[in-house]
Structure formats: C-alpha cells, structure tokens
Amino acid sequence: MKNIYGLSTNMSIILLVIGIAVLLLVFFAVAFVVAKRKGRKSLVNEPFIAALKVALGGIENVNNVEVLQGRLKITVEDLDLVKLDDLKTLAETGVFVTGNTIKVLFKEDSELVKKALDK
C-alpha cells in the first residue's frame, strides 16, 4: 500500500525514524558544544589583566579601547612604552601595529577584556 507521496508504509516509517535520528544527533551535538564552552576557564582574570596592563605600558598609556570584528583596537599614548613581545605572548594571533594603534585578538571574549581594561 502506498501513501500520498508514492512511498510504501515501510519506507515512510524508515524515513521517519531516520529523520528523528538526525534531529536527535543535531540536538546532542549542539548541547555538547554549549556544555564544552561553559566548562572553559576564562583567561579574563586578574593576573591576565595585570599582565596586559603592564604589556601596554600601564593603564595610563591607554587612550582608547574598542572592539572591532572580535579584535581589540587599543590606542596608546606612547608606543615605546608598549612591550610588544609580552603582548604577543598574551595574544591568540599576531599583534598588528599601525601608528599608535594596536589590534590584537585574545582567546577570550574581547568585550570582557575591554570591560576589564575600562575599569
């Protein structure tokens, strides 16, 4: 016997079971990723922020901090005070310097790092 889609009853049941299995697999994959992210330790802690401030030449050397496309854009007063090697060890990827502006990406949320620097 065929249903309205021209499939046999057995085939319809098989497709329904496969569809449910795929939905469950996607659900558990998303749940796993969310749980893994919640379990990560945040690097935005006091020692990290203290090291970042020292690498930037002190918080008084920082004129402005912005978040652009996930990266921190930090404008400093005097680039000579910035310890670029220390900053590179804290960064996830490279440190890009243009004039007195430093663009850097950290492993953790840039918004959290910006808030910590703004305090």
C-alpha atoms as a PDB file:
ATOM      1  CA  MET A   1       0.000   0.000   0.000  1.00  0.00           C
ATOM      2  CA  LYS A   2       1.317   3.461  -0.911  1.00  0.00           C
ATOM      3  CA  ASN A   3       0.786   6.796   0.814  1.00  0.00           C
ATOM      4  CA  ILE A   4       0.153  10.186  -0.811  1.00  0.00           C
ATOM      5  CA  TYR A   5       3.844  10.581  -1.642  1.00  0.00           C
ATOM      6  CA  GLY A   6       4.025   7.286  -3.522  1.00  0.00           C
ATOM      7  CA  LEU A   7       6.054   5.572  -0.798  1.00  0.00           C
ATOM      8  CA  SER A   8       5.239   2.302   0.843  1.00  0.00           C
ATOM      9  CA  THR A   9       4.237   2.312   4.505  1.00  0.00           C
ATOM     10  CA  ASN A  10       7.503   0.590   5.482  1.00  0.00           C
ATOM     11  CA  MET A  11       9.559   3.164   3.592  1.00  0.00           C
ATOM     12  CA  SER A  12       7.664   6.030   5.264  1.00  0.00           C
ATOM     13  CA  ILE A  13       8.402   4.568   8.701  1.00  0.00           C
ATOM     14  CA  ILE A  14      12.096   4.145   7.854  1.00  0.00           C
ATOM     15  CA  LEU A  15      12.356   7.744   6.633  1.00  0.00           C
ATOM     16  CA  LEU A  16      10.574   8.995   9.751  1.00  0.00           C
ATOM     17  CA  VAL A  17      12.983   7.097  12.020  1.00  0.00           C
ATOM     18  CA  ILE A  18      15.996   8.426  10.080  1.00  0.00           C
ATOM     19  CA  GLY A  19      14.644  11.977  10.333  1.00  0.00           C
ATOM     20  CA  ILE A  20      14.160  11.680  14.089  1.00  0.00           C
ATOM     21  CA  ALA A  21      17.662  10.215  14.467  1.00  0.00           C
ATOM     22  CA  VAL A  22      19.194  13.114  12.535  1.00  0.00           C
ATOM     23  CA  LEU A  23      17.313  15.670  14.667  1.00  0.00           C
ATOM     24  CA  LEU A  24      18.465  13.989  17.869  1.00  0.00           C
ATOM     25  CA  LEU A  25      22.051  13.895  16.618  1.00  0.00           C
ATOM     26  CA  VAL A  26      21.984  17.625  15.832  1.00  0.00           C
ATOM     27  CA  PHE A  27      20.396  18.403  19.207  1.00  0.00           C
ATOM     28  CA  PHE A  28      23.037  16.471  21.155  1.00  0.00           C
ATOM     29  CA  ALA A  29      25.881  17.958  19.080  1.00  0.00           C
ATOM     30  CA  VAL A  30      24.686  21.484  19.887  1.00  0.00           C
ATOM     31  CA  ALA A  31      24.212  20.583  23.563  1.00  0.00           C
ATOM     32  CA  PHE A  32      27.759  19.164  23.671  1.00  0.00           C
ATOM     33  CA  VAL A  33      29.291  22.318  22.166  1.00  0.00           C
ATOM     34  CA  VAL A  34      27.379  24.580  24.569  1.00  0.00           C
ATOM     35  CA  ALA A  35      28.398  22.479  27.577  1.00  0.00           C
ATOM     36  CA  LYS A  36      32.032  22.481  26.473  1.00  0.00           C
ATOM     37  CA  ARG A  37      32.064  26.275  26.130  1.00  0.00           C
ATOM     38  CA  LYS A  38      30.579  26.721  29.597  1.00  0.00           C
ATOM     39  CA  GLY A  39      33.287  24.481  31.035  1.00  0.00           C
ATOM     40  CA  ARG A  40      36.177  26.538  29.608  1.00  0.00           C
ATOM     41  CA  LYS A  41      38.114  28.593  32.063  1.00  0.00           C
ATOM     42  CA  SER A  42      38.125  32.264  31.298  1.00  0.00           C
ATOM     43  CA  LEU A  43      41.520  33.869  30.826  1.00  0.00           C
ATOM     44  CA  VAL A  44      39.984  37.225  31.702  1.00  0.00           C
ATOM     45  CA  ASN A  45      41.121  37.116  35.293  1.00  0.00           C
ATOM     46  CA  GLU A  46      43.174  39.493  37.427  1.00  0.00           C
ATOM     47  CA  PRO A  47      46.627  38.058  36.533  1.00  0.00           C
ATOM     48  CA  PHE A  48      45.794  38.204  32.800  1.00  0.00           C
ATOM     49  CA  ILE A  49      44.538  41.801  33.004  1.00  0.00           C
ATOM     50  CA  ALA A  50      47.519  42.839  35.155  1.00  0.00           C
ATOM     51  CA  ALA A  51      49.945  41.331  32.615  1.00  0.00           C
ATOM     52  CA  LEU A  52      48.044  43.023  29.779  1.00  0.00           C
ATOM     53  CA  LYS A  53      48.225  46.414  31.502  1.00  0.00           C
ATOM     54  CA  VAL A  54      51.974  46.019  32.024  1.00  0.00           C
ATOM     55  CA  ALA A  55      52.432  44.955  28.373  1.00  0.00           C
ATOM     56  CA  LEU A  56      50.532  48.051  27.255  1.00  0.00           C
ATOM     57  CA  GLY A  57      52.892  50.314  29.240  1.00  0.00           C
ATOM     58  CA  GLY A  58      50.456  50.863  32.081  1.00  0.00           C
ATOM     59  CA  ILE A  59      46.766  51.709  32.021  1.00  0.00           C
ATOM     60  CA  GLU A  60      47.603  55.439  31.895  1.00  0.00           C
ATOM     61  CA  ASN A  61      49.269  54.811  28.497  1.00  0.00           C
ATOM     62  CA  VAL A  62      45.958  53.536  27.067  1.00  0.00           C
ATOM     63  CA  ASN A  63      43.883  56.259  25.392  1.00  0.00           C
ATOM     64  CA  ASN A  64      41.051  54.205  23.922  1.00  0.00           C
ATOM     65  CA  VAL A  65      39.875  50.596  23.673  1.00  0.00           C
ATOM     66  CA  GLU A  66      37.360  49.421  21.051  1.00  0.00           C
ATOM     67  CA  VAL A  67      36.105  46.058  19.860  1.00  0.00           C
ATOM     68  CA  LEU A  68      36.093  45.690  16.071  1.00  0.00           C
ATOM     69  CA  GLN A  69      35.170  42.352  14.483  1.00  0.00           C
ATOM     70  CA  GLY A  70      36.165  40.432  17.600  1.00  0.00           C
ATOM     71  CA  ARG A  71      39.551  42.112  17.889  1.00  0.00           C
ATOM     72  CA  LEU A  72      40.609  44.723  20.384  1.00  0.00           C
ATOM     73  CA  LYS A  73      41.712  48.016  18.896  1.00  0.00           C
ATOM     74  CA  ILE A  74      43.830  49.763  21.502  1.00  0.00           C
ATOM     75  CA  THR A  75      45.118  53.299  21.009  1.00  0.00           C
ATOM     76  CA  VAL A  76      48.094  54.153  23.205  1.00  0.00           C
ATOM     77  CA  GLU A  77      49.758  57.452  24.076  1.00  0.00           C
ATOM     78  CA  ASP A  78      53.356  56.266  23.641  1.00  0.00           C
ATOM     79  CA  LEU A  79      54.105  53.143  21.586  1.00  0.00           C
ATOM     80  CA  ASP A  80      57.646  52.988  23.004  1.00  0.00           C
ATOM     81  CA  LEU A  81      56.199  52.059  26.423  1.00  0.00           C
ATOM     82  CA  VAL A  82      54.381  49.021  24.975  1.00  0.00           C
ATOM     83  CA  LYS A  83      56.121  45.665  25.434  1.00  0.00           C
ATOM     84  CA  LEU A  84      55.168  44.033  22.130  1.00  0.00           C
ATOM     85  CA  ASP A  85      56.853  40.702  22.938  1.00  0.00           C
ATOM     86  CA  ASP A  86      54.823  40.404  26.157  1.00  0.00           C
ATOM     87  CA  LEU A  87      51.674  41.374  24.280  1.00  0.00           C
ATOM     88  CA  LYS A  88      52.344  38.691  21.653  1.00  0.00           C
ATOM     89  CA  THR A  89      52.568  36.004  24.351  1.00  0.00           C
ATOM     90  CA  LEU A  90      49.139  37.045  25.668  1.00  0.00           C
ATOM     91  CA  ALA A  91      47.541  37.173  22.210  1.00  0.00           C
ATOM     92  CA  GLU A  92      45.978  34.278  20.324  1.00  0.00           C
ATOM     93  CA  THR A  93      47.209  35.504  16.951  1.00  0.00           C
ATOM     94  CA  GLY A  94      49.547  38.248  15.829  1.00  0.00           C
ATOM     95  CA  VAL A  95      49.687  41.776  17.116  1.00  0.00           C
ATOM     96  CA  PHE A  96      49.168  44.403  14.443  1.00  0.00           C
ATOM     97  CA  VAL A  97      50.555  47.895  14.998  1.00  0.00           C
ATOM     98  CA  THR A  98      49.690  50.963  12.931  1.00  0.00           C
ATOM     99  CA  GLY A  99      50.918  54.255  14.330  1.00  0.00           C
ATOM    100  CA  ASN A 100      49.797  54.318  17.967  1.00  0.00           C
ATOM    101  CA  THR A 101      47.012  51.787  17.348  1.00  0.00           C
ATOM    102  CA  ILE A 102      47.380  48.137  18.286  1.00  0.00           C
ATOM    103  CA  LYS A 103      44.965  45.465  17.034  1.00  0.00           C
ATOM    104  CA  VAL A 104      45.034  42.159  18.854  1.00  0.00           C
ATOM    105  CA  LEU A 105      42.841  39.068  19.280  1.00  0.00           C
ATOM    106  CA  PHE A 106      42.714  37.165  22.561  1.00  0.00           C
ATOM    107  CA  LYS A 107      41.373  33.663  23.199  1.00  0.00           C
ATOM    108  CA  GLU A 108      38.568  35.027  25.316  1.00  0.00           C
ATOM    109  CA  ASP A 109      35.737  37.398  24.517  1.00  0.00           C
ATOM    110  CA  SER A 110      37.116  40.773  23.509  1.00  0.00           C
ATOM    111  CA  GLU A 111      34.166  42.543  25.156  1.00  0.00           C
ATOM    112  CA  LEU A 112      35.165  41.061  28.535  1.00  0.00           C
ATOM    113  CA  VAL A 113      38.772  42.160  28.071  1.00  0.00           C
ATOM    114  CA  LYS A 114      37.611  45.669  27.085  1.00  0.00           C
ATOM    115  CA  LYS A 115      35.383  45.912  30.182  1.00  0.00           C
ATOM    116  CA  ALA A 116      38.272  44.828  32.380  1.00  0.00           C
ATOM    117  CA  LEU A 117      40.556  47.466  30.854  1.00  0.00           C
ATOM    118  CA  ASP A 118      37.898  50.157  31.222  1.00  0.00           C
ATOM    119  CA  LYS A 119      37.696  49.656  34.993  1.00  0.00           C
END
